[in-house]
Amino acid sequence: MQRERAIAVLGDHGALLGDLAERVRALDHRVIRVKTLEEAIDFAYERNVEYAAAFIEPMGLAYDLAEALYSLRVQANSPDMCFIATGEAPDDEHRATLREAGVERALWTPIADNALRFQLNAAMSRHTQDFLRCDTRAPVVGQATVTVGGRRKLVSIYSLSAGGAFLETPRPSMSGARVEVALLTPDGELSFDANVLYTNVPGNLSQPTLPIGMAVRFEDVGRTAWDTLRAIVTSHARCLSV
């Protein structure tokens, strides 16, 4: 029988992890809320569950974090489990400890909604292709304008790369459409002609892990604009890494 995939939220039942568990459930993921590694392992065996990811507050979890996380992967039969550290951002020494222990991603407080969705999507689809897989992407809180046929509409940015973006909007343009996208950056407004690669709209083919909206690829990104976008994305991506 195929094992159900779930997200583990591991640690004491405090306000941070409790709120995080509810927010993950609201994104239609099954959440396993456990206090200890042993409970997580037992649950995996008893309920035939495979962990796709686990949120941890690492400093209070174990003295030998690397051994603890390795043991959880092996004993819960979840070799592809992605560990996501949360809580207050630690100092550089503790970040190095997390990296050595195999923690791949982070969501330091305060946690924005699009950052949470982005990290969960990355953890759940580690071996799949995405529309901008050759570019570094990051969730970016901000708005943009899309112009189609002389009509402008305001949209929200879900994720951004130097080559394109996923734009959240209840009325996305159809796949294959050509649009103009304007982004407000610290260096001023940047405008690009863009192609709509695909859309996510309500219906049977909707991807529930993504917001309603559209993925666009920018055309003819000049060197200066590319450097500006790359700097923005790198800065946001750094906040999601250990």
C-alpha atoms as a PDB file:
ATOM      1  CA  MET A   1       0.000   0.000   0.000  1.00  0.00           C
ATOM      2  CA  GLN A   2       1.284   3.443  -0.936  1.00  0.00           C
ATOM      3  CA  ARG A   3       2.372   5.504   2.030  1.00  0.00           C
ATOM      4  CA  GLU A   4       0.699   8.843   2.661  1.00  0.00           C
ATOM      5  CA  ARG A   5       3.014  11.860   2.599  1.00  0.00           C
ATOM      6  CA  ALA A   6       2.841  14.276   5.494  1.00  0.00           C
ATOM      7  CA  ILE A   7       4.570  17.246   7.081  1.00  0.00           C
ATOM      8  CA  ALA A   8       5.921  16.732  10.599  1.00  0.00           C
ATOM      9  CA  VAL A   9       5.963  19.640  13.039  1.00  0.00           C
ATOM     10  CA  LEU A  10       8.418  18.510  15.664  1.00  0.00           C
ATOM     11  CA  GLY A  11       8.942  20.020  19.093  1.00  0.00           C
ATOM     12  CA  ASP A  12       7.208  21.298  22.223  1.00  0.00           C
ATOM     13  CA  HIS A  13       3.605  22.428  21.865  1.00  0.00           C
ATOM     14  CA  GLY A  14       4.440  26.123  21.998  1.00  0.00           C
ATOM     15  CA  ALA A  15       2.722  29.021  20.272  1.00  0.00           C
ATOM     16  CA  LEU A  16       5.137  29.201  17.333  1.00  0.00           C
ATOM     17  CA  LEU A  17       4.904  25.565  16.262  1.00  0.00           C
ATOM     18  CA  GLY A  18       1.195  25.378  17.049  1.00  0.00           C
ATOM     19  CA  ASP A  19       0.470  28.344  14.784  1.00  0.00           C
ATOM     20  CA  LEU A  20       2.788  26.964  12.117  1.00  0.00           C
ATOM     21  CA  ALA A  21       0.992  23.600  12.151  1.00  0.00           C
ATOM     22  CA  GLU A  22      -2.377  25.302  11.610  1.00  0.00           C
ATOM     23  CA  ARG A  23      -1.031  27.402   8.744  1.00  0.00           C
ATOM     24  CA  VAL A  24       0.400  24.299   7.045  1.00  0.00           C
ATOM     25  CA  ARG A  25      -2.965  22.512   7.415  1.00  0.00           C
ATOM     26  CA  ALA A  26      -4.677  25.510   5.822  1.00  0.00           C
ATOM     27  CA  LEU A  27      -2.503  24.901   2.743  1.00  0.00           C
ATOM     28  CA  ASP A  28      -4.045  21.402   2.406  1.00  0.00           C
ATOM     29  CA  HIS A  29      -1.115  19.393   3.746  1.00  0.00           C
ATOM     30  CA  ARG A  30      -1.482  16.589   6.246  1.00  0.00           C
ATOM     31  CA  VAL A  31       0.304  17.641   9.430  1.00  0.00           C
ATOM     32  CA  ILE A  32       1.718  15.300  12.063  1.00  0.00           C
ATOM     33  CA  ARG A  33       2.247  17.215  15.315  1.00  0.00           C
ATOM     34  CA  VAL A  34       4.694  15.402  17.631  1.00  0.00           C
ATOM     35  CA  LYS A  35       6.987  16.411  20.486  1.00  0.00           C
ATOM     36  CA  THR A  36       9.862  13.963  20.082  1.00  0.00           C
ATOM     37  CA  LEU A  37      11.779  12.038  17.440  1.00  0.00           C
ATOM     38  CA  GLU A  38      10.527   8.798  18.958  1.00  0.00           C
ATOM     39  CA  GLU A  39       6.900   9.869  18.570  1.00  0.00           C
ATOM     40  CA  ALA A  40       7.541  10.817  14.942  1.00  0.00           C
ATOM     41  CA  ILE A  41       9.090   7.407  14.227  1.00  0.00           C
ATOM     42  CA  ASP A  42       6.284   5.503  15.977  1.00  0.00           C
ATOM     43  CA  PHE A  43       3.619   7.468  14.086  1.00  0.00           C
ATOM     44  CA  ALA A  44       5.274   6.731  10.752  1.00  0.00           C
ATOM     45  CA  TYR A  45       5.193   2.995  11.457  1.00  0.00           C
ATOM     46  CA  GLU A  46       1.712   2.846  12.959  1.00  0.00           C
ATOM     47  CA  ARG A  47      -0.027   5.016  10.331  1.00  0.00           C
ATOM     48  CA  ASN A  48       2.037   4.058   7.261  1.00  0.00           C
ATOM     49  CA  VAL A  49       3.181   7.657   6.797  1.00  0.00           C
ATOM     50  CA  GLU A  50       6.195   9.008   4.917  1.00  0.00           C
ATOM     51  CA  TYR A  51       7.476  12.416   5.951  1.00  0.00           C
ATOM     52  CA  ALA A  52       8.116  14.784   3.049  1.00  0.00           C
ATOM     53  CA  ALA A  53       9.379  17.478   5.394  1.00  0.00           C
ATOM     54  CA  ALA A  54       9.765  18.307   9.061  1.00  0.00           C
ATOM     55  CA  PHE A  55       9.732  21.684  10.770  1.00  0.00           C
ATOM     56  CA  ILE A  56      12.054  21.807  13.752  1.00  0.00           C
ATOM     57  CA  GLU A  57      13.222  24.267  16.383  1.00  0.00           C
ATOM     58  CA  PRO A  58      16.700  22.763  16.248  1.00  0.00           C
ATOM     59  CA  MET A  59      18.466  24.220  19.277  1.00  0.00           C
ATOM     60  CA  GLY A  60      16.100  22.491  21.679  1.00  0.00           C
ATOM     61  CA  LEU A  61      15.804  19.202  19.807  1.00  0.00           C
ATOM     62  CA  ALA A  62      19.001  17.247  20.473  1.00  0.00           C
ATOM     63  CA  TYR A  63      22.605  17.710  21.473  1.00  0.00           C
ATOM     64  CA  ASP A  64      23.773  15.586  18.541  1.00  0.00           C
ATOM     65  CA  LEU A  65      21.452  17.017  15.920  1.00  0.00           C
ATOM     66  CA  ALA A  66      23.107  15.301  12.949  1.00  0.00           C
ATOM     67  CA  GLU A  67      22.701  11.837  14.503  1.00  0.00           C
ATOM     68  CA  ALA A  68      19.120  12.599  15.584  1.00  0.00           C
ATOM     69  CA  LEU A  69      17.988  13.740  12.150  1.00  0.00           C
ATOM     70  CA  TYR A  70      19.752  10.870  10.392  1.00  0.00           C
ATOM     71  CA  SER A  71      18.042   8.439  12.757  1.00  0.00           C
ATOM     72  CA  LEU A  72      14.647   9.971  12.029  1.00  0.00           C
ATOM     73  CA  ARG A  73      15.130   9.683   8.255  1.00  0.00           C
ATOM     74  CA  VAL A  74      16.193   6.051   8.496  1.00  0.00           C
ATOM     75  CA  GLN A  75      13.815   4.745  11.154  1.00  0.00           C
ATOM     76  CA  ALA A  76      10.791   6.550   9.742  1.00  0.00           C
ATOM     77  CA  ASN A  77      11.704   5.212   6.282  1.00  0.00           C
ATOM     78  CA  SER A  78      11.648   8.763   4.889  1.00  0.00           C
ATOM     79  CA  PRO A  79      15.044   9.126   3.172  1.00  0.00           C
ATOM     80  CA  ASP A  80      13.997  12.219   1.183  1.00  0.00           C
ATOM     81  CA  MET A  81      12.679  14.114   4.201  1.00  0.00           C
ATOM     82  CA  CYS A  82      13.554  17.815   4.023  1.00  0.00           C
ATOM     83  CA  PHE A  83      14.314  19.477   7.354  1.00  0.00           C
ATOM     84  CA  ILE A  84      13.199  23.104   7.712  1.00  0.00           C
ATOM     85  CA  ALA A  85      14.526  25.043  10.694  1.00  0.00           C
ATOM     86  CA  THR A  86      12.263  27.642  12.279  1.00  0.00           C
ATOM     87  CA  GLY A  87      12.287  30.069  15.172  1.00  0.00           C
ATOM     88  CA  GLU A  88      14.506  33.087  15.600  1.00  0.00           C
ATOM     89  CA  ALA A  89      17.414  33.317  13.188  1.00  0.00           C
ATOM     90  CA  PRO A  90      20.549  31.956  14.912  1.00  0.00           C
ATOM     91  CA  ASP A  91      24.107  33.224  14.718  1.00  0.00           C
ATOM     92  CA  ASP A  92      26.580  32.037  12.094  1.00  0.00           C
ATOM     93  CA  GLU A  93      28.015  29.316  14.339  1.00  0.00           C
ATOM     94  CA  HIS A  94      24.625  27.717  14.899  1.00  0.00           C
ATOM     95  CA  ARG A  95      23.790  28.003  11.200  1.00  0.00           C
ATOM     96  CA  ALA A  96      26.954  26.068  10.399  1.00  0.00           C
ATOM     97  CA  THR A  97      25.874  23.370  12.881  1.00  0.00           C
ATOM     98  CA  LEU A  98      22.513  23.103  11.133  1.00  0.00           C
ATOM     99  CA  ARG A  99      24.105  22.755   7.711  1.00  0.00           C
ATOM    100  CA  GLU A 100      26.447  20.025   8.965  1.00  0.00           C
ATOM    101  CA  ALA A 101      23.464  18.194  10.472  1.00  0.00           C
ATOM    102  CA  GLY A 102      21.672  18.114   7.103  1.00  0.00           C
ATOM    103  CA  VAL A 103      19.121  20.893   7.630  1.00  0.00           C
ATOM    104  CA  GLU A 104      18.479  22.295   4.146  1.00  0.00           C
ATOM    105  CA  ARG A 105      15.972  25.113   4.529  1.00  0.00           C
ATOM    106  CA  ALA A 106      14.808  27.705   7.007  1.00  0.00           C
ATOM    107  CA  LEU A 107      11.788  29.826   7.882  1.00  0.00           C
ATOM    108  CA  TRP A 108      12.944  32.331  10.473  1.00  0.00           C
ATOM    109  CA  THR A 109      10.320  34.384  12.261  1.00  0.00           C
ATOM    110  CA  PRO A 110       8.315  36.342  11.291  1.00  0.00           C
ATOM    111  CA  ILE A 111       7.096  33.929   8.595  1.00  0.00           C
ATOM    112  CA  ALA A 112       5.337  35.421   5.566  1.00  0.00           C
ATOM    113  CA  ASP A 113       2.544  33.387   3.952  1.00  0.00           C
ATOM    114  CA  ASN A 114       4.210  33.179   0.548  1.00  0.00           C
ATOM    115  CA  ALA A 115       7.536  32.111   2.121  1.00  0.00           C
ATOM    116  CA  LEU A 116       5.775  29.273   3.959  1.00  0.00           C
ATOM    117  CA  ARG A 117       4.034  28.091   0.802  1.00  0.00           C
ATOM    118  CA  PHE A 118       7.251  28.399  -1.199  1.00  0.00           C
ATOM    119  CA  GLN A 119       9.318  26.304   1.229  1.00  0.00           C
ATOM    120  CA  LEU A 120       6.636  23.632   1.463  1.00  0.00           C
ATOM    121  CA  ASN A 121       6.395  23.409  -2.328  1.00  0.00           C
ATOM    122  CA  ALA A 122      10.166  23.103  -2.583  1.00  0.00           C
ATOM    123  CA  ALA A 123      10.201  20.347   0.019  1.00  0.00           C
ATOM    124  CA  MET A 124       7.272  18.431  -1.494  1.00  0.00           C
ATOM    125  CA  SER A 125       8.582  18.514  -5.070  1.00  0.00           C
ATOM    126  CA  ARG A 126      12.329  18.153  -4.635  1.00  0.00           C
ATOM    127  CA  HIS A 127      12.691  15.888  -7.664  1.00  0.00           C
ATOM    128  CA  THR A 128      10.298  17.600 -10.053  1.00  0.00           C
ATOM    129  CA  GLN A 129      10.936  20.273 -12.644  1.00  0.00           C
ATOM    130  CA  ASP A 130       9.695  23.822 -12.256  1.00  0.00           C
ATOM    131  CA  PHE A 131       9.171  26.579 -14.761  1.00  0.00           C
ATOM    132  CA  LEU A 132      12.383  28.439 -13.881  1.00  0.00           C
ATOM    133  CA  ARG A 133      14.525  25.638 -12.556  1.00  0.00           C
ATOM    134  CA  CYS A 134      17.696  27.103 -14.083  1.00  0.00           C
ATOM    135  CA  ASP A 135      17.257  30.316 -12.050  1.00  0.00           C
ATOM    136  CA  THR A 136      17.459  30.946  -8.337  1.00  0.00           C
ATOM    137  CA  ARG A 137      13.947  31.762  -7.141  1.00  0.00           C
ATOM    138  CA  ALA A 138      12.656  33.212  -3.890  1.00  0.00           C
ATOM    139  CA  PRO A 139       9.322  34.342  -2.478  1.00  0.00           C
ATOM    140  CA  VAL A 140       9.119  38.134  -2.539  1.00  0.00           C
ATOM    141  CA  VAL A 141       6.473  40.202  -0.787  1.00  0.00           C
ATOM    142  CA  GLY A 142       5.399  42.945  -3.155  1.00  0.00           C
ATOM    143  CA  GLN A 143       3.140  43.973  -5.980  1.00  0.00           C
ATOM    144  CA  ALA A 144       3.501  44.386  -9.720  1.00  0.00           C
ATOM    145  CA  THR A 145       1.369  45.636 -12.580  1.00  0.00           C
ATOM    146  CA  VAL A 146       0.510  43.626 -15.667  1.00  0.00           C
ATOM    147  CA  THR A 147      -0.575  45.369 -18.864  1.00  0.00           C
ATOM    148  CA  VAL A 148      -2.504  43.462 -21.537  1.00  0.00           C
ATOM    149  CA  GLY A 149      -4.018  45.206 -24.537  1.00  0.00           C
ATOM    150  CA  GLY A 150      -3.692  48.599 -22.890  1.00  0.00           C
ATOM    151  CA  ARG A 151      -5.432  47.475 -19.690  1.00  0.00           C
ATOM    152  CA  ARG A 152      -3.464  47.427 -16.430  1.00  0.00           C
ATOM    153  CA  LYS A 153      -4.109  45.234 -13.431  1.00  0.00           C
ATOM    154  CA  LEU A 154      -2.415  45.065 -10.044  1.00  0.00           C
ATOM    155  CA  VAL A 155      -1.073  41.644  -9.017  1.00  0.00           C
ATOM    156  CA  SER A 156       0.898  40.212  -6.095  1.00  0.00           C
ATOM    157  CA  ILE A 157       4.298  38.591  -6.459  1.00  0.00           C
ATOM    158  CA  TYR A 158       4.447  35.010  -5.202  1.00  0.00           C
ATOM    159  CA  SER A 159       8.003  34.249  -6.336  1.00  0.00           C
ATOM    160  CA  LEU A 160      10.651  35.975  -8.398  1.00  0.00           C
ATOM    161  CA  SER A 161      13.815  35.129 -10.297  1.00  0.00           C
ATOM    162  CA  ALA A 162      16.065  37.165 -12.557  1.00  0.00           C
ATOM    163  CA  GLY A 163      14.288  35.538 -15.500  1.00  0.00           C
ATOM    164  CA  GLY A 164      10.637  35.613 -14.504  1.00  0.00           C
ATOM    165  CA  ALA A 165       8.016  35.458 -11.789  1.00  0.00           C
ATOM    166  CA  PHE A 166       4.897  33.743 -10.555  1.00  0.00           C
ATOM    167  CA  LEU A 167       2.231  36.416 -10.158  1.00  0.00           C
ATOM    168  CA  GLU A 168      -0.789  35.910  -7.921  1.00  0.00           C
ATOM    169  CA  THR A 169      -4.025  37.215  -9.453  1.00  0.00           C
ATOM    170  CA  PRO A 170      -7.629  36.006  -9.607  1.00  0.00           C
ATOM    171  CA  ARG A 171      -7.694  36.841 -13.349  1.00  0.00           C
ATOM    172  CA  PRO A 172      -4.518  35.518 -14.951  1.00  0.00           C
ATOM    173  CA  SER A 173      -3.899  35.919 -18.674  1.00  0.00           C
ATOM    174  CA  MET A 174      -4.154  32.730 -20.686  1.00  0.00           C
ATOM    175  CA  SER A 175      -1.137  30.526 -21.324  1.00  0.00           C
ATOM    176  CA  GLY A 176       0.879  31.759 -24.308  1.00  0.00           C
ATOM    177  CA  ALA A 177      -0.238  35.375 -23.950  1.00  0.00           C
ATOM    178  CA  ARG A 178       2.236  38.229 -24.231  1.00  0.00           C
ATOM    179  CA  VAL A 179       2.049  40.784 -21.424  1.00  0.00           C
ATOM    180  CA  GLU A 180       4.032  43.660 -19.988  1.00  0.00           C
ATOM    181  CA  VAL A 181       5.121  43.337 -16.354  1.00  0.00           C
ATOM    182  CA  ALA A 182       6.288  46.284 -14.236  1.00  0.00           C
ATOM    183  CA  LEU A 183       8.084  45.699 -10.915  1.00  0.00           C
ATOM    184  CA  LEU A 184       8.921  48.343  -8.332  1.00  0.00           C
ATOM    185  CA  THR A 185      12.478  47.782  -7.026  1.00  0.00           C
ATOM    186  CA  PRO A 186      14.809  49.798  -4.758  1.00  0.00           C
ATOM    187  CA  ASP A 187      16.444  51.051  -7.969  1.00  0.00           C
ATOM    188  CA  GLY A 188      13.149  52.200  -9.490  1.00  0.00           C
ATOM    189  CA  GLU A 189      10.549  50.578 -11.733  1.00  0.00           C
ATOM    190  CA  LEU A 190      11.596  47.813 -14.098  1.00  0.00           C
ATOM    191  CA  SER A 191       9.349  46.897 -17.031  1.00  0.00           C
ATOM    192  CA  PHE A 192       9.602  43.783 -19.186  1.00  0.00           C
ATOM    193  CA  ASP A 193       7.749  42.207 -22.058  1.00  0.00           C
ATOM    194  CA  ALA A 194       6.900  38.699 -20.907  1.00  0.00           C
ATOM    195  CA  ASN A 195       5.361  35.409 -22.024  1.00  0.00           C
ATOM    196  CA  VAL A 196       2.797  33.595 -19.882  1.00  0.00           C
ATOM    197  CA  LEU A 197       4.173  30.069 -19.494  1.00  0.00           C
ATOM    198  CA  TYR A 198       1.248  28.570 -17.597  1.00  0.00           C
ATOM    199  CA  THR A 199      -1.661  29.542 -15.390  1.00  0.00           C
ATOM    200  CA  ASN A 200      -3.144  28.093 -12.231  1.00  0.00           C
ATOM    201  CA  VAL A 201      -6.904  28.595 -12.189  1.00  0.00           C
ATOM    202  CA  PRO A 202      -9.747  26.955 -10.244  1.00  0.00           C
ATOM    203  CA  GLY A 203     -10.882  23.637 -11.652  1.00  0.00           C
ATOM    204  CA  ASN A 204      -9.970  19.978 -11.951  1.00  0.00           C
ATOM    205  CA  LEU A 205      -6.446  20.730 -13.198  1.00  0.00           C
ATOM    206  CA  SER A 206      -5.673  23.354 -10.574  1.00  0.00           C
ATOM    207  CA  GLN A 207      -2.468  22.886  -8.576  1.00  0.00           C
ATOM    208  CA  PRO A 208      -3.594  23.299  -4.943  1.00  0.00           C
ATOM    209  CA  THR A 209      -0.068  24.001  -3.705  1.00  0.00           C
ATOM    210  CA  LEU A 210       0.205  27.140  -5.846  1.00  0.00           C
ATOM    211  CA  PRO A 211      -1.804  30.347  -5.575  1.00  0.00           C
ATOM    212  CA  ILE A 212      -4.211  31.274  -8.335  1.00  0.00           C
ATOM    213  CA  GLY A 213      -2.164  33.157 -10.907  1.00  0.00           C
ATOM    214  CA  MET A 214       0.354  32.795 -13.712  1.00  0.00           C
ATOM    215  CA  ALA A 215       4.002  32.065 -14.353  1.00  0.00           C
ATOM    216  CA  VAL A 216       5.725  34.510 -16.695  1.00  0.00           C
ATOM    217  CA  ARG A 217       9.165  34.614 -18.274  1.00  0.00           C
ATOM    218  CA  PHE A 218      10.715  37.999 -18.937  1.00  0.00           C
ATOM    219  CA  GLU A 219      12.089  38.812 -22.388  1.00  0.00           C
ATOM    220  CA  ASP A 220      15.211  40.813 -23.222  1.00  0.00           C
ATOM    221  CA  VAL A 221      16.382  41.385 -19.647  1.00  0.00           C
ATOM    222  CA  GLY A 222      19.350  43.751 -19.886  1.00  0.00           C
ATOM    223  CA  ARG A 223      22.473  43.348 -17.807  1.00  0.00           C
ATOM    224  CA  THR A 224      21.625  46.139 -15.373  1.00  0.00           C
ATOM    225  CA  ALA A 225      18.086  44.875 -14.802  1.00  0.00           C
ATOM    226  CA  TRP A 226      19.369  41.304 -14.478  1.00  0.00           C
ATOM    227  CA  ASP A 227      21.841  42.371 -11.784  1.00  0.00           C
ATOM    228  CA  THR A 228      19.121  44.251  -9.903  1.00  0.00           C
ATOM    229  CA  LEU A 229      16.739  41.299  -9.966  1.00  0.00           C
ATOM    230  CA  ARG A 230      19.506  38.860  -9.058  1.00  0.00           C
ATOM    231  CA  ALA A 231      20.435  40.975  -6.009  1.00  0.00           C
ATOM    232  CA  ILE A 232      16.801  41.074  -4.829  1.00  0.00           C
ATOM    233  CA  VAL A 233      16.338  37.336  -5.259  1.00  0.00           C
ATOM    234  CA  THR A 234      19.651  36.480  -3.597  1.00  0.00           C
ATOM    235  CA  SER A 235      18.791  38.648  -0.589  1.00  0.00           C
ATOM    236  CA  HIS A 236      15.399  36.970  -0.111  1.00  0.00           C
ATOM    237  CA  ALA A 237      16.771  33.476  -0.776  1.00  0.00           C
ATOM    238  CA  ARG A 238      19.413  33.970   1.914  1.00  0.00           C
ATOM    239  CA  CYS A 239      16.644  34.426   4.487  1.00  0.00           C
ATOM    240  CA  LEU A 240      15.321  30.946   3.590  1.00  0.00           C
ATOM    241  CA  SER A 241      18.607  29.124   3.957  1.00  0.00           C
ATOM    242  CA  VAL A 242      20.776  28.007   6.809  1.00  0.00           C
END
